[in-house]
Amino acid sequence: MTQVYFDHNATTRVDDAVLDAMLPYFREHYGNASSGHSFGLIARRAINRAREQVAQAAGASPAQVIFTSGGTEANNLFIRGVSDSLKPSVLAVSAIEHPCVIRPAQALARKRDEKWQLHYLAVNAAGQVKVSEAAAVFATTRPAMVSVMFANNETGVIQDIASIAEAARAQGSWIHTDAVQAFGKIPVNFTGLGVHALTLSAHKIYGPKGAAALIVDPRLPLKPIIDGGGHENGLRSGTENVPAIVGFGIACELAASKMVESAAKTAALRNHLEQGLLAAGATVFGLDALRLPNTCYFALPDIEGDTLVVRLDKKGFAVASGAACSSATPGKSHVLEAMNVPPILARCAVRVSLGPDNTSAEVDAFLTAVRHIVDELKAMNALFNV
């Protein structure tokens, strides 16, 4: 049985062109980029080229790109690295942030000495941070740091980051956005957004795992959270993962060149999928909000999400019951909780995240599989309730 992959928000396969670009740096060009001989110089030039590719795709300059091992490290670098440079104050984050933002923020608030105050920015029923409400919070609390994700990994709901950044900067705040899910699906321009820091990750855009970046305003008061040999302008020590960084650069180029076509195709597939789900009685979360073109987060009443995920996998469809990085708390979504979704419905949530290689025939087969599973479960319930 052929397995259909509908979980592109969790990760993506490595593009053939990306892999081809990476392979020489595992075998022929394996030098340490800090070495002064020819092997090292080849590796250093490859990293410099990748830095240019990432910067161009994200609307930044190469000097602003700090390579990290992943989006989690990049988000921690902003929160921990900036907080170490400031006196304890207020840190504001949206209530729907990824755990790699929320947990380091909570850790700051738990510190015995130099404790920070953590403020959660509320979202409405559609999963949106309202700019006027955020501006009012900023005016009242005057946070030193703000972090609001560009697009949510579960619902796909997109935030008005440029307006939120403008409101934050008006109060003297350092503003960051986690753009990991948005990048490659919608336009992401560091300069245009007006943020001080922005996170990207390679494996969400058909690049390798193990490479990501924090893009920073040169004025950002940032201290390293990993000390060592002073790599990445002293902000992220550690021997560079040259093959992964090379792959990241190529993936950025491909994402930028294919974004418009990919977004149009996945949006059409997503709309077709949602028409079928709504006809089957499903609730689609964030339906009335601006969302990523590839993401559908839905619930079928009385069918737990984990159950549906397992049964769909047996029928050949890989989907998720929430965020792949939140498997420690299966069946519970802090995102849906923040949106005031009733817990009984939230437990039924399933996420489909499409890719440009998916087809209309696969969506039709998925809808057929969902209908069969619903009928099977209803029959089982009827049998047990006799």
Protein backbone atom coordinates (compact mmCIF):
# COMPACT_ATOMS: atom_id res chain seq x y z
CA MET A 1 0.00 0.00 0.00
CA THR A 2 1.36 3.40 -1.02
CA GLN A 3 1.54 5.87 1.85
CA VAL A 4 0.31 9.40 1.10
CA TYR A 5 2.16 12.10 3.03
CA PHE A 6 -0.14 14.86 4.34
CA ASP A 7 2.12 16.14 7.16
CA HIS A 8 4.33 18.77 5.53
CA ASN A 9 4.11 21.16 8.50
CA ALA A 10 5.97 18.56 10.56
CA THR A 11 8.78 18.11 8.05
CA THR A 12 9.42 17.70 4.34
CA ARG A 13 11.52 15.34 2.26
CA VAL A 14 14.87 16.65 1.09
CA ASP A 15 14.60 17.92 -2.49
CA ASP A 16 16.79 16.06 -5.00
CA ALA A 17 18.62 19.27 -5.95
CA VAL A 18 19.29 19.98 -2.27
CA LEU A 19 20.71 16.52 -1.68
CA ASP A 20 22.88 16.73 -4.80
CA ALA A 21 24.35 20.02 -3.55
CA MET A 22 25.03 18.56 -0.09
CA LEU A 23 26.73 15.29 -1.04
CA PRO A 24 30.14 16.72 -2.05
CA TYR A 25 30.48 18.28 1.41
CA PHE A 26 30.17 14.87 3.03
CA ARG A 27 32.78 13.25 0.79
CA GLU A 28 35.16 15.48 -1.20
CA HIS A 29 34.86 18.88 0.54
CA TYR A 30 34.77 17.68 4.14
CA GLY A 31 37.06 20.33 5.65
CA ASN A 32 36.42 22.29 8.82
CA ALA A 33 35.39 25.81 7.80
CA SER A 34 37.63 27.25 10.52
CA SER A 35 40.77 25.66 9.07
CA GLY A 36 43.16 27.83 7.08
CA HIS A 37 44.09 25.29 4.42
CA SER A 38 42.33 24.72 1.11
CA PHE A 39 39.87 22.16 2.53
CA GLY A 40 38.74 24.67 5.11
CA LEU A 41 38.57 27.55 2.64
CA ILE A 42 36.28 25.54 0.34
CA ALA A 43 33.96 24.86 3.27
CA ARG A 44 34.03 28.53 4.34
CA ARG A 45 33.15 29.71 0.84
CA ALA A 46 30.23 27.26 0.76
CA ILE A 47 28.91 28.63 4.06
CA ASN A 48 29.28 32.20 2.84
CA ARG A 49 27.36 31.36 -0.32
CA ALA A 50 24.58 29.71 1.68
CA ARG A 51 24.39 32.75 3.96
CA GLU A 52 23.82 34.90 0.88
CA GLN A 53 21.11 32.55 -0.39
CA VAL A 54 19.24 32.54 2.93
CA ALA A 55 19.51 36.30 3.27
CA GLN A 56 18.25 36.97 -0.25
CA ALA A 57 15.25 34.67 0.19
CA ALA A 58 14.32 36.33 3.50
CA GLY A 59 14.90 39.99 2.56
CA ALA A 60 17.95 40.51 4.77
CA SER A 61 21.69 41.02 4.38
CA PRO A 62 24.13 38.10 4.78
CA ALA A 63 25.71 39.63 7.88
CA GLN A 64 22.34 39.36 9.64
CA VAL A 65 22.10 35.56 9.26
CA ILE A 66 23.17 33.45 12.25
CA PHE A 67 23.14 29.73 11.47
CA THR A 68 21.83 27.40 14.19
CA SER A 69 20.99 23.71 14.50
CA GLY A 70 17.24 24.24 14.26
CA GLY A 71 14.30 26.56 14.83
CA THR A 72 14.22 25.59 18.50
CA GLU A 73 17.78 26.79 19.03
CA ALA A 74 17.14 29.98 17.06
CA ASN A 75 14.08 30.84 19.16
CA ASN A 76 15.96 30.10 22.36
CA LEU A 77 18.85 32.26 21.14
CA PHE A 78 16.52 35.24 20.84
CA ILE A 79 14.75 34.79 24.18
CA ARG A 80 17.74 33.76 26.27
CA GLY A 81 20.32 35.77 24.37
CA VAL A 82 18.44 39.06 24.52
CA SER A 83 17.19 38.60 28.09
CA ASP A 84 20.78 38.07 29.25
CA SER A 85 21.59 41.53 27.89
CA LEU A 86 18.72 43.35 29.62
CA LYS A 87 17.47 44.09 33.09
CA PRO A 88 14.47 41.89 34.05
CA SER A 89 11.29 43.35 32.66
CA VAL A 90 8.22 42.09 30.79
CA LEU A 91 8.31 39.48 28.04
CA ALA A 92 5.16 39.24 25.91
CA VAL A 93 4.43 36.20 23.75
CA SER A 94 1.27 35.08 22.02
CA ALA A 95 -0.70 32.33 23.72
CA ILE A 96 -0.33 30.11 20.63
CA GLU A 97 3.46 30.10 20.31
CA HIS A 98 5.41 26.92 19.65
CA PRO A 99 6.73 25.26 22.84
CA CYS A 100 10.28 26.31 21.90
CA VAL A 101 9.18 29.90 22.53
CA ILE A 102 6.76 29.37 25.41
CA ARG A 103 9.01 27.13 27.50
CA PRO A 104 12.13 29.33 27.55
CA ALA A 105 9.82 32.28 28.24
CA GLN A 106 8.33 30.39 31.19
CA ALA A 107 11.84 29.52 32.38
CA LEU A 108 12.69 33.22 32.54
CA ALA A 109 9.57 33.85 34.61
CA ARG A 110 10.57 31.08 37.05
CA LYS A 111 14.09 32.35 37.75
CA ARG A 112 14.64 33.03 41.42
CA ASP A 113 16.91 35.94 40.75
CA GLU A 114 16.23 38.49 38.03
CA LYS A 115 12.75 37.10 37.41
CA TRP A 116 10.95 38.27 34.29
CA GLN A 117 7.22 38.91 34.07
CA LEU A 118 5.58 36.83 31.35
CA HIS A 119 2.51 38.19 29.57
CA TYR A 120 0.47 36.09 27.14
CA LEU A 121 -1.15 37.91 24.23
CA ALA A 122 -4.64 36.51 23.77
CA VAL A 123 -6.08 35.36 20.46
CA ASN A 124 -9.66 35.43 19.26
CA ALA A 125 -11.79 32.44 18.26
CA ALA A 126 -10.13 32.42 14.84
CA GLY A 127 -6.65 32.20 16.39
CA GLN A 128 -5.64 35.79 15.61
CA VAL A 129 -3.77 38.25 17.81
CA LYS A 130 -5.75 41.47 17.45
CA VAL A 131 -3.35 44.33 16.72
CA SER A 132 -5.36 46.90 18.69
CA GLU A 133 -5.44 44.67 21.75
CA ALA A 134 -1.73 43.88 21.48
CA ALA A 135 -0.95 47.60 21.15
CA ALA A 136 -2.96 48.30 24.30
CA VAL A 137 -1.03 45.59 26.17
CA PHE A 138 2.29 47.00 24.97
CA ALA A 139 1.31 50.51 26.06
CA THR A 140 0.37 49.24 29.53
CA THR A 141 3.16 46.75 30.22
CA ARG A 142 5.94 48.24 28.03
CA PRO A 143 7.58 44.83 27.42
CA ALA A 144 11.29 44.70 26.77
CA MET A 145 10.80 41.69 24.48
CA VAL A 146 7.95 40.47 22.30
CA SER A 147 7.64 37.23 20.30
CA VAL A 148 4.68 36.48 18.02
CA MET A 149 4.81 33.70 15.43
CA PHE A 150 4.13 34.60 11.80
CA ALA A 151 1.93 31.55 11.08
CA ASN A 152 0.72 28.92 13.49
CA ASN A 153 1.99 25.39 12.98
CA GLU A 154 -1.36 23.80 13.89
CA THR A 155 -4.06 26.05 12.44
CA GLY A 156 -1.99 27.79 9.78
CA VAL A 157 -3.47 31.13 10.87
CA ILE A 158 -1.31 34.07 9.78
CA GLN A 159 -0.67 37.05 12.07
CA ASP A 160 -0.31 40.71 11.07
CA ILE A 161 3.32 40.77 12.14
CA ALA A 162 4.17 44.10 10.50
CA SER A 163 1.46 45.91 12.49
CA ILE A 164 2.30 44.07 15.71
CA ALA A 165 5.98 44.93 15.21
CA GLU A 166 5.12 48.59 14.67
CA ALA A 167 3.13 48.68 17.92
CA ALA A 168 5.93 46.92 19.81
CA ARG A 169 8.66 49.20 18.49
CA ALA A 170 6.60 52.24 19.47
CA GLN A 171 7.09 51.13 23.07
CA GLY A 172 10.80 50.42 22.67
CA SER A 173 10.37 46.63 22.60
CA TRP A 174 12.65 44.16 20.84
CA ILE A 175 10.32 42.18 18.56
CA HIS A 176 10.85 38.65 17.20
CA THR A 177 8.78 36.41 14.96
CA ASP A 178 9.05 32.66 14.47
CA ALA A 179 8.54 32.39 10.70
CA VAL A 180 9.41 28.70 10.45
CA GLN A 181 5.98 27.65 9.14
CA ALA A 182 5.40 30.74 7.01
CA PHE A 183 8.67 30.73 5.11
CA GLY A 184 8.34 29.15 1.67
CA LYS A 185 4.53 29.23 1.77
CA ILE A 186 3.90 32.99 1.90
CA PRO A 187 6.20 36.00 1.39
CA VAL A 188 8.56 36.58 4.33
CA ASN A 189 10.65 39.75 4.21
CA PHE A 190 12.70 40.57 7.28
CA THR A 191 13.13 44.24 6.41
CA GLY A 192 9.52 44.75 5.40
CA LEU A 193 8.13 43.17 8.56
CA GLY A 194 10.01 45.58 10.80
CA VAL A 195 11.06 42.94 13.33
CA HIS A 196 14.40 42.76 15.13
CA ALA A 197 14.75 38.97 14.84
CA LEU A 198 13.23 36.23 12.69
CA THR A 199 13.54 32.43 12.77
CA LEU A 200 13.75 30.11 9.75
CA SER A 201 14.31 26.35 9.43
CA ALA A 202 15.54 24.25 6.51
CA HIS A 203 13.57 21.05 7.00
CA LYS A 204 10.20 22.80 6.53
CA ILE A 205 11.19 23.87 2.99
CA TYR A 206 12.55 20.60 1.54
CA GLY A 207 15.95 21.11 3.10
CA PRO A 208 17.81 18.98 5.66
CA LYS A 209 17.19 18.71 9.37
CA GLY A 210 19.94 20.28 11.45
CA ALA A 211 20.12 23.68 9.79
CA ALA A 212 18.21 26.86 10.61
CA ALA A 213 18.84 30.54 11.15
CA LEU A 214 18.07 33.49 13.36
CA ILE A 215 18.09 36.67 11.30
CA VAL A 216 18.87 39.69 13.45
CA ASP A 217 18.88 43.46 13.38
CA PRO A 218 22.52 44.49 14.07
CA ARG A 219 21.26 46.70 16.92
CA LEU A 220 19.73 43.75 18.78
CA PRO A 221 21.47 43.27 22.17
CA LEU A 222 22.18 39.58 21.76
CA LYS A 223 24.47 37.35 23.81
CA PRO A 224 25.40 33.78 22.83
CA ILE A 225 23.78 30.89 24.66
CA ILE A 226 26.51 28.47 23.48
CA ASP A 227 30.08 29.49 24.22
CA GLY A 228 33.11 28.09 22.48
CA GLY A 229 35.25 29.03 19.51
CA GLY A 230 33.30 32.12 18.57
CA HIS A 231 31.68 30.92 15.36
CA GLU A 232 28.88 32.92 13.68
CA ASN A 233 30.38 36.25 14.75
CA GLY A 234 30.64 34.98 18.31
CA LEU A 235 26.90 34.35 18.60
CA ARG A 236 26.76 30.59 18.01
CA SER A 237 29.88 28.58 18.69
CA GLY A 238 30.37 25.10 17.28
CA THR A 239 31.88 23.56 14.14
CA GLU A 240 29.49 24.37 11.31
CA ASN A 241 27.36 21.63 9.77
CA VAL A 242 28.58 22.48 6.27
CA PRO A 243 26.48 19.96 4.26
CA ALA A 244 23.27 20.97 6.04
CA ILE A 245 24.02 24.69 5.67
CA VAL A 246 24.70 24.22 1.97
CA GLY A 247 21.41 22.36 1.65
CA PHE A 248 19.62 25.13 3.54
CA GLY A 249 20.89 27.69 1.06
CA ILE A 250 19.73 25.72 -1.97
CA ALA A 251 16.36 25.01 -0.32
CA CYS A 252 15.86 28.74 0.23
CA GLU A 253 16.53 29.47 -3.44
CA LEU A 254 14.08 26.77 -4.52
CA ALA A 255 11.42 27.88 -2.03
CA ALA A 256 11.58 31.45 -3.27
CA SER A 257 11.37 30.43 -6.94
CA LYS A 258 8.48 27.98 -6.45
CA MET A 259 6.43 29.74 -3.76
CA VAL A 260 3.73 31.33 -5.94
CA GLU A 261 3.06 28.16 -7.92
CA SER A 262 3.20 25.96 -4.83
CA ALA A 263 0.85 28.21 -2.85
CA ALA A 264 -1.72 28.26 -5.63
CA LYS A 265 -1.69 24.48 -5.98
CA THR A 266 -1.86 23.66 -2.28
CA ALA A 267 -4.58 26.27 -1.71
CA ALA A 268 -6.75 24.65 -4.39
CA LEU A 269 -6.19 21.21 -2.85
CA ARG A 270 -6.88 22.56 0.65
CA ASN A 271 -10.13 24.19 -0.46
CA HIS A 272 -11.25 20.95 -2.12
CA LEU A 273 -10.38 19.02 1.02
CA GLU A 274 -12.26 21.39 3.27
CA GLN A 275 -15.38 21.33 1.12
CA GLY A 276 -15.50 17.58 1.58
CA LEU A 277 -14.80 17.74 5.31
CA LEU A 278 -17.43 20.40 5.93
CA ALA A 279 -19.96 18.33 4.00
CA ALA A 280 -19.11 15.45 6.37
CA GLY A 281 -19.91 17.63 9.39
CA ALA A 282 -16.38 18.61 10.35
CA THR A 283 -15.34 21.81 12.11
CA VAL A 284 -12.38 23.59 10.49
CA PHE A 285 -10.42 25.71 12.96
CA GLY A 286 -9.48 29.21 11.83
CA LEU A 287 -11.69 28.85 8.76
CA ASP A 288 -12.53 32.56 8.58
CA ALA A 289 -8.96 33.76 9.18
CA LEU A 290 -6.12 34.31 6.73
CA ARG A 291 -4.24 30.98 6.76
CA LEU A 292 -1.31 29.25 5.14
CA PRO A 293 -2.46 27.85 1.79
CA ASN A 294 -1.55 24.26 2.65
CA THR A 295 -2.96 23.83 6.17
CA CYS A 296 -6.29 22.40 7.34
CA TYR A 297 -6.91 21.75 11.03
CA PHE A 298 -10.26 20.05 11.52
CA ALA A 299 -12.30 17.96 13.93
CA LEU A 300 -15.04 15.40 13.38
CA PRO A 301 -17.30 15.43 16.45
CA ASP A 302 -17.07 12.35 18.70
CA ILE A 303 -13.99 10.94 16.91
CA GLU A 304 -10.80 11.52 18.88
CA GLY A 305 -7.95 12.91 16.83
CA ASP A 306 -5.45 10.27 17.91
CA THR A 307 -7.88 7.53 16.90
CA LEU A 308 -8.48 9.08 13.49
CA VAL A 309 -4.74 9.55 12.90
CA VAL A 310 -4.01 5.88 13.61
CA ARG A 311 -6.87 4.63 11.45
CA LEU A 312 -5.93 6.94 8.58
CA ASP A 313 -2.34 5.70 8.78
CA LYS A 314 -3.58 2.14 8.38
CA LYS A 315 -5.46 3.25 5.28
CA GLY A 316 -2.33 4.87 3.84
CA PHE A 317 -2.50 8.52 4.92
CA ALA A 318 0.05 10.24 7.16
CA VAL A 319 -1.54 13.14 9.09
CA ALA A 320 -1.08 14.63 12.55
CA SER A 321 -3.25 15.11 15.61
CA GLY A 322 -1.48 18.39 16.38
CA ALA A 323 2.06 19.70 16.45
CA ALA A 324 4.77 17.08 15.86
CA CYS A 325 6.88 18.72 18.57
CA SER A 326 4.11 18.39 21.17
CA SER A 327 3.85 14.62 21.33
CA ALA A 328 4.47 14.75 25.09
CA THR A 329 0.88 15.92 25.55
CA PRO A 330 -1.14 13.92 22.99
CA GLY A 331 -4.77 14.85 22.64
CA LYS A 332 -4.32 18.37 23.99
CA SER A 333 -3.62 21.55 22.04
CA HIS A 334 -2.71 24.76 23.86
CA VAL A 335 -3.49 26.54 20.58
CA LEU A 336 -7.12 25.38 20.53
CA GLU A 337 -7.36 26.05 24.26
CA ALA A 338 -6.26 29.65 23.63
CA MET A 339 -8.95 29.88 20.92
CA ASN A 340 -11.56 28.78 23.52
CA VAL A 341 -12.40 25.62 21.59
CA PRO A 342 -14.39 23.27 23.88
CA PRO A 343 -12.05 20.53 25.19
CA ILE A 344 -14.30 17.75 23.92
CA LEU A 345 -13.99 19.12 20.38
CA ALA A 346 -10.30 19.96 20.72
CA ARG A 347 -9.54 16.30 21.45
CA CYS A 348 -10.92 15.49 18.00
CA ALA A 349 -8.48 17.78 16.16
CA VAL A 350 -6.47 16.48 13.19
CA ARG A 351 -4.07 18.47 11.01
CA VAL A 352 -3.58 17.96 7.29
CA SER A 353 -0.69 19.93 5.78
CA LEU A 354 -0.34 19.55 2.05
CA GLY A 355 2.65 19.80 -0.27
CA PRO A 356 2.91 20.70 -3.96
CA ASP A 357 3.46 17.05 -4.88
CA ASN A 358 0.07 16.03 -3.49
CA THR A 359 -2.78 15.53 -5.94
CA SER A 360 -6.53 15.99 -6.19
CA ALA A 361 -6.89 12.21 -6.49
CA GLU A 362 -5.11 11.81 -3.14
CA VAL A 363 -7.47 14.31 -1.52
CA ASP A 364 -10.48 12.44 -2.93
CA ALA A 365 -9.10 9.14 -1.62
CA PHE A 366 -8.50 10.76 1.76
CA LEU A 367 -12.09 11.98 1.97
CA THR A 368 -13.32 8.50 1.05
CA ALA A 369 -11.14 7.01 3.78
CA VAL A 370 -12.48 9.49 6.33
CA ARG A 371 -16.07 8.60 5.44
CA HIS A 372 -15.32 4.88 5.77
CA ILE A 373 -13.69 5.39 9.17
CA VAL A 374 -16.63 7.46 10.40
CA ASP A 375 -19.05 4.76 9.28
CA GLU A 376 -16.95 2.03 10.91
CA LEU A 377 -16.76 3.87 14.24
CA LYS A 378 -20.46 4.70 14.21
CA ALA A 379 -21.24 1.01 13.59
CA MET A 380 -18.99 0.00 16.49
CA ASN A 381 -20.64 2.53 18.80
CA ALA A 382 -24.10 1.31 17.79
CA LEU A 383 -23.04 -2.29 18.51
CA PHE A 384 -21.74 -1.44 21.98
CA ASN A 385 -24.77 0.69 22.81
CA VAL A 386 -27.32 -2.03 22.04
